[in-house]
Amino acid sequence: MRVMVIVKATKDSEAGVLPDKELLTAMGNYNEQLVKAGVMLAGEGLHSSAKGKRVRFSGDRRMVVDGPFAETKELIAGFWLWQVRSMEEAVEWLKRCPNPHREECEVEIRQVFEADDFGPEFTPELRAQEDRLRAEAEKQARR
């Protein structure tokens, strides 16, 4: 199963405070363990919401909202995408993670939908399209 591990933002991360060498080293070592174990598929830190935008959808209308966004506890500072056998395995890996911030923070784990999760509504034609698009995106990423 794939899970997204979501590092929640803090006041410091939203203020643009970057990690120090010690934390970067600890995270690099942790990421190396994840990669060697075949767990880590991707992982990135994100700029603060001050550099972000949101697009609000209402029927056919689209409204762009510029950051920063107010509710820090609802914002994301970074993420990993992991391949694990179970949610319990993901939790065990996460418990080994260095604290991603200098202050108290939360990291959330969410399971990624797989094709079978959508049931019969995800027809063979839609599955074929999804497979084709994934293959094309992977091919483009290698360029």
C-alpha atoms as a PDB file:
ATOM      1  CA  MET A   1       0.000   0.000   0.000  1.00  0.00           C
ATOM      2  CA  ARG A   2       1.097   3.546  -0.610  1.00  0.00           C
ATOM      3  CA  VAL A   3       0.792   6.234   2.025  1.00  0.00           C
ATOM      4  CA  MET A   4       1.400   9.937   2.004  1.00  0.00           C
ATOM      5  CA  VAL A   5       3.197  11.172   5.088  1.00  0.00           C
ATOM      6  CA  ILE A   6       2.284  14.819   5.587  1.00  0.00           C
ATOM      7  CA  VAL A   7       4.501  17.095   7.658  1.00  0.00           C
ATOM      8  CA  LYS A   8       2.306  19.833   9.083  1.00  0.00           C
ATOM      9  CA  ALA A   9       3.526  23.423   9.040  1.00  0.00           C
ATOM     10  CA  THR A  10       4.550  25.351  12.132  1.00  0.00           C
ATOM     11  CA  LYS A  11       4.939  29.052  12.862  1.00  0.00           C
ATOM     12  CA  ASP A  12       8.651  28.758  12.022  1.00  0.00           C
ATOM     13  CA  SER A  13       8.143  26.912   8.744  1.00  0.00           C
ATOM     14  CA  GLU A  14       5.510  29.448   7.698  1.00  0.00           C
ATOM     15  CA  ALA A  15       7.948  32.239   8.607  1.00  0.00           C
ATOM     16  CA  GLY A  16      10.453  30.710   6.197  1.00  0.00           C
ATOM     17  CA  VAL A  17      12.858  29.460   8.901  1.00  0.00           C
ATOM     18  CA  LEU A  18      15.015  26.812   7.223  1.00  0.00           C
ATOM     19  CA  PRO A  19      16.352  23.689   8.945  1.00  0.00           C
ATOM     20  CA  ASP A  20      19.900  23.835  10.294  1.00  0.00           C
ATOM     21  CA  LYS A  21      22.760  21.553   9.187  1.00  0.00           C
ATOM     22  CA  GLU A  22      22.103  19.144  12.062  1.00  0.00           C
ATOM     23  CA  LEU A  23      18.464  18.576  11.063  1.00  0.00           C
ATOM     24  CA  LEU A  24      19.323  18.375   7.352  1.00  0.00           C
ATOM     25  CA  THR A  25      21.924  15.710   8.171  1.00  0.00           C
ATOM     26  CA  ALA A  26      19.534  13.741  10.385  1.00  0.00           C
ATOM     27  CA  MET A  27      16.790  13.888   7.728  1.00  0.00           C
ATOM     28  CA  GLY A  28      19.243  12.878   5.012  1.00  0.00           C
ATOM     29  CA  ASN A  29      20.271   9.840   7.053  1.00  0.00           C
ATOM     30  CA  TYR A  30      16.638   8.960   7.753  1.00  0.00           C
ATOM     31  CA  ASN A  31      15.720   9.289   4.076  1.00  0.00           C
ATOM     32  CA  GLU A  32      18.667   7.052   3.212  1.00  0.00           C
ATOM     33  CA  GLN A  33      17.263   4.348   5.511  1.00  0.00           C
ATOM     34  CA  LEU A  34      13.844   4.696   3.858  1.00  0.00           C
ATOM     35  CA  VAL A  35      15.341   4.391   0.369  1.00  0.00           C
ATOM     36  CA  LYS A  36      17.516   1.389   1.270  1.00  0.00           C
ATOM     37  CA  ALA A  37      14.451  -0.351   2.737  1.00  0.00           C
ATOM     38  CA  GLY A  38      12.470   0.297  -0.469  1.00  0.00           C
ATOM     39  CA  VAL A  39       9.932   2.408   1.417  1.00  0.00           C
ATOM     40  CA  MET A  40      10.487   5.933   0.065  1.00  0.00           C
ATOM     41  CA  LEU A  41       9.011   6.716  -3.347  1.00  0.00           C
ATOM     42  CA  ALA A  42       9.268  10.518  -3.075  1.00  0.00           C
ATOM     43  CA  GLY A  43       9.711  13.235  -0.511  1.00  0.00           C
ATOM     44  CA  GLU A  44      10.001  17.006  -0.560  1.00  0.00           C
ATOM     45  CA  GLY A  45       9.804  20.056   1.652  1.00  0.00           C
ATOM     46  CA  LEU A  46       7.527  22.907   0.639  1.00  0.00           C
ATOM     47  CA  HIS A  47       7.963  26.674   0.693  1.00  0.00           C
ATOM     48  CA  SER A  48       5.703  28.558   3.080  1.00  0.00           C
ATOM     49  CA  SER A  49       2.138  29.331   2.075  1.00  0.00           C
ATOM     50  CA  ALA A  50       3.192  32.969   1.504  1.00  0.00           C
ATOM     51  CA  LYS A  51       4.514  31.744  -1.841  1.00  0.00           C
ATOM     52  CA  GLY A  52       1.427  29.635  -2.531  1.00  0.00           C
ATOM     53  CA  LYS A  53      -1.935  30.078  -4.154  1.00  0.00           C
ATOM     54  CA  ARG A  54      -5.282  28.355  -3.826  1.00  0.00           C
ATOM     55  CA  VAL A  55      -7.927  28.005  -6.461  1.00  0.00           C
ATOM     56  CA  ARG A  56     -11.468  27.973  -5.094  1.00  0.00           C
ATOM     57  CA  PHE A  57     -13.992  26.058  -7.220  1.00  0.00           C
ATOM     58  CA  SER A  58     -17.660  27.011  -7.235  1.00  0.00           C
ATOM     59  CA  GLY A  59     -19.560  25.427 -10.095  1.00  0.00           C
ATOM     60  CA  ASP A  60     -17.948  26.730 -13.288  1.00  0.00           C
ATOM     61  CA  ARG A  61     -16.221  29.635 -11.518  1.00  0.00           C
ATOM     62  CA  ARG A  62     -12.604  29.631 -10.344  1.00  0.00           C
ATOM     63  CA  MET A  63     -11.220  32.137  -7.868  1.00  0.00           C
ATOM     64  CA  VAL A  64      -7.498  32.451  -7.133  1.00  0.00           C
ATOM     65  CA  VAL A  65      -6.512  33.242  -3.539  1.00  0.00           C
ATOM     66  CA  ASP A  66      -2.942  34.316  -2.812  1.00  0.00           C
ATOM     67  CA  GLY A  67      -1.073  33.092   0.279  1.00  0.00           C
ATOM     68  CA  PRO A  68      -0.186  33.330   3.031  1.00  0.00           C
ATOM     69  CA  PHE A  69      -2.990  31.289   4.538  1.00  0.00           C
ATOM     70  CA  ALA A  70      -4.110  31.816   8.119  1.00  0.00           C
ATOM     71  CA  GLU A  71      -4.508  28.400   9.755  1.00  0.00           C
ATOM     72  CA  THR A  72      -0.916  27.195  10.170  1.00  0.00           C
ATOM     73  CA  LYS A  73      -2.029  23.890  11.721  1.00  0.00           C
ATOM     74  CA  GLU A  74      -3.900  23.062   8.504  1.00  0.00           C
ATOM     75  CA  LEU A  75      -0.940  23.757   6.200  1.00  0.00           C
ATOM     76  CA  ILE A  76       1.654  21.342   4.844  1.00  0.00           C
ATOM     77  CA  ALA A  77       5.396  21.954   5.164  1.00  0.00           C
ATOM     78  CA  GLY A  78       6.504  18.798   3.357  1.00  0.00           C
ATOM     79  CA  PHE A  79       5.636  15.232   2.449  1.00  0.00           C
ATOM     80  CA  TRP A  80       6.874  11.741   1.703  1.00  0.00           C
ATOM     81  CA  LEU A  81       5.250   9.114  -0.465  1.00  0.00           C
ATOM     82  CA  TRP A  82       5.975   5.644   0.921  1.00  0.00           C
ATOM     83  CA  GLN A  83       5.338   2.072  -0.158  1.00  0.00           C
ATOM     84  CA  VAL A  84       4.616  -0.049   2.934  1.00  0.00           C
ATOM     85  CA  ARG A  85       2.858  -3.301   3.776  1.00  0.00           C
ATOM     86  CA  SER A  86       0.495  -1.737   6.306  1.00  0.00           C
ATOM     87  CA  MET A  87      -0.432   1.413   8.192  1.00  0.00           C
ATOM     88  CA  GLU A  88       1.287  -0.114  11.226  1.00  0.00           C
ATOM     89  CA  GLU A  89       4.561  -0.354   9.273  1.00  0.00           C
ATOM     90  CA  ALA A  90       4.201   3.303   8.226  1.00  0.00           C
ATOM     91  CA  VAL A  91       3.685   4.311  11.865  1.00  0.00           C
ATOM     92  CA  GLU A  92       6.776   2.349  12.917  1.00  0.00           C
ATOM     93  CA  TRP A  93       8.874   4.096  10.254  1.00  0.00           C
ATOM     94  CA  LEU A  94       7.519   7.482  11.245  1.00  0.00           C
ATOM     95  CA  LYS A  95       8.317   6.908  14.919  1.00  0.00           C
ATOM     96  CA  ARG A  96      12.006   6.690  13.880  1.00  0.00           C
ATOM     97  CA  CYS A  97      11.879  10.072  12.106  1.00  0.00           C
ATOM     98  CA  PRO A  98      13.795  13.014  13.519  1.00  0.00           C
ATOM     99  CA  ASN A  99      11.472  15.824  14.606  1.00  0.00           C
ATOM    100  CA  PRO A 100      11.050  17.718  11.304  1.00  0.00           C
ATOM    101  CA  HIS A 101      10.793  21.080  13.098  1.00  0.00           C
ATOM    102  CA  ARG A 102      12.540  22.756  16.026  1.00  0.00           C
ATOM    103  CA  GLU A 103       9.194  22.941  17.810  1.00  0.00           C
ATOM    104  CA  GLU A 104       6.305  20.618  18.568  1.00  0.00           C
ATOM    105  CA  CYS A 105       4.627  19.465  15.369  1.00  0.00           C
ATOM    106  CA  GLU A 106       2.413  16.805  13.864  1.00  0.00           C
ATOM    107  CA  VAL A 107       2.980  14.447  10.970  1.00  0.00           C
ATOM    108  CA  GLU A 108      -0.045  12.774   9.416  1.00  0.00           C
ATOM    109  CA  ILE A 109      -0.172   9.467   7.508  1.00  0.00           C
ATOM    110  CA  ARG A 110      -2.875   8.944   4.873  1.00  0.00           C
ATOM    111  CA  GLN A 111      -3.423   5.949   2.628  1.00  0.00           C
ATOM    112  CA  VAL A 112      -3.317   6.653  -1.114  1.00  0.00           C
ATOM    113  CA  PHE A 113      -6.242   5.360  -3.171  1.00  0.00           C
ATOM    114  CA  GLU A 114      -5.452   2.436  -5.455  1.00  0.00           C
ATOM    115  CA  ALA A 115      -7.471   1.509  -8.545  1.00  0.00           C
ATOM    116  CA  ASP A 116      -9.388  -1.282  -6.773  1.00  0.00           C
ATOM    117  CA  ASP A 117     -10.601   1.146  -4.105  1.00  0.00           C
ATOM    118  CA  PHE A 118     -12.923   2.817  -6.629  1.00  0.00           C
ATOM    119  CA  GLY A 119     -14.992  -0.294  -7.359  1.00  0.00           C
ATOM    120  CA  PRO A 120     -16.934  -0.929 -10.584  1.00  0.00           C
ATOM    121  CA  GLU A 121     -17.192   2.796 -11.392  1.00  0.00           C
ATOM    122  CA  PHE A 122     -13.515   2.639 -12.344  1.00  0.00           C
ATOM    123  CA  THR A 123     -14.150   0.806 -15.626  1.00  0.00           C
ATOM    124  CA  PRO A 124     -11.535  -1.128 -17.625  1.00  0.00           C
ATOM    125  CA  GLU A 125     -11.364   1.839 -20.023  1.00  0.00           C
ATOM    126  CA  LEU A 126     -10.658   4.267 -17.173  1.00  0.00           C
ATOM    127  CA  ARG A 127      -8.044   1.875 -15.752  1.00  0.00           C
ATOM    128  CA  ALA A 128      -6.341   1.663 -19.157  1.00  0.00           C
ATOM    129  CA  GLN A 129      -6.325   5.450 -19.404  1.00  0.00           C
ATOM    130  CA  GLU A 130      -4.856   5.739 -15.893  1.00  0.00           C
ATOM    131  CA  ASP A 131      -2.131   3.184 -16.708  1.00  0.00           C
ATOM    132  CA  ARG A 132      -1.292   5.021 -19.934  1.00  0.00           C
ATOM    133  CA  LEU A 133      -1.102   8.396 -18.181  1.00  0.00           C
ATOM    134  CA  ARG A 134       1.113   7.027 -15.376  1.00  0.00           C
ATOM    135  CA  ALA A 135       3.477   5.467 -17.913  1.00  0.00           C
ATOM    136  CA  GLU A 136       3.655   8.718 -19.886  1.00  0.00           C
ATOM    137  CA  ALA A 137       4.261  10.803 -16.756  1.00  0.00           C
ATOM    138  CA  GLU A 138       7.026   8.431 -15.662  1.00  0.00           C
ATOM    139  CA  LYS A 139       8.607   8.640 -19.111  1.00  0.00           C
ATOM    140  CA  GLN A 140       8.509  12.449 -19.036  1.00  0.00           C
ATOM    141  CA  ALA A 141      10.002  12.522 -15.521  1.00  0.00           C
ATOM    142  CA  ARG A 142      13.056  10.618 -16.778  1.00  0.00           C
ATOM    143  CA  ARG A 143      13.839  13.271 -19.402  1.00  0.00           C
END
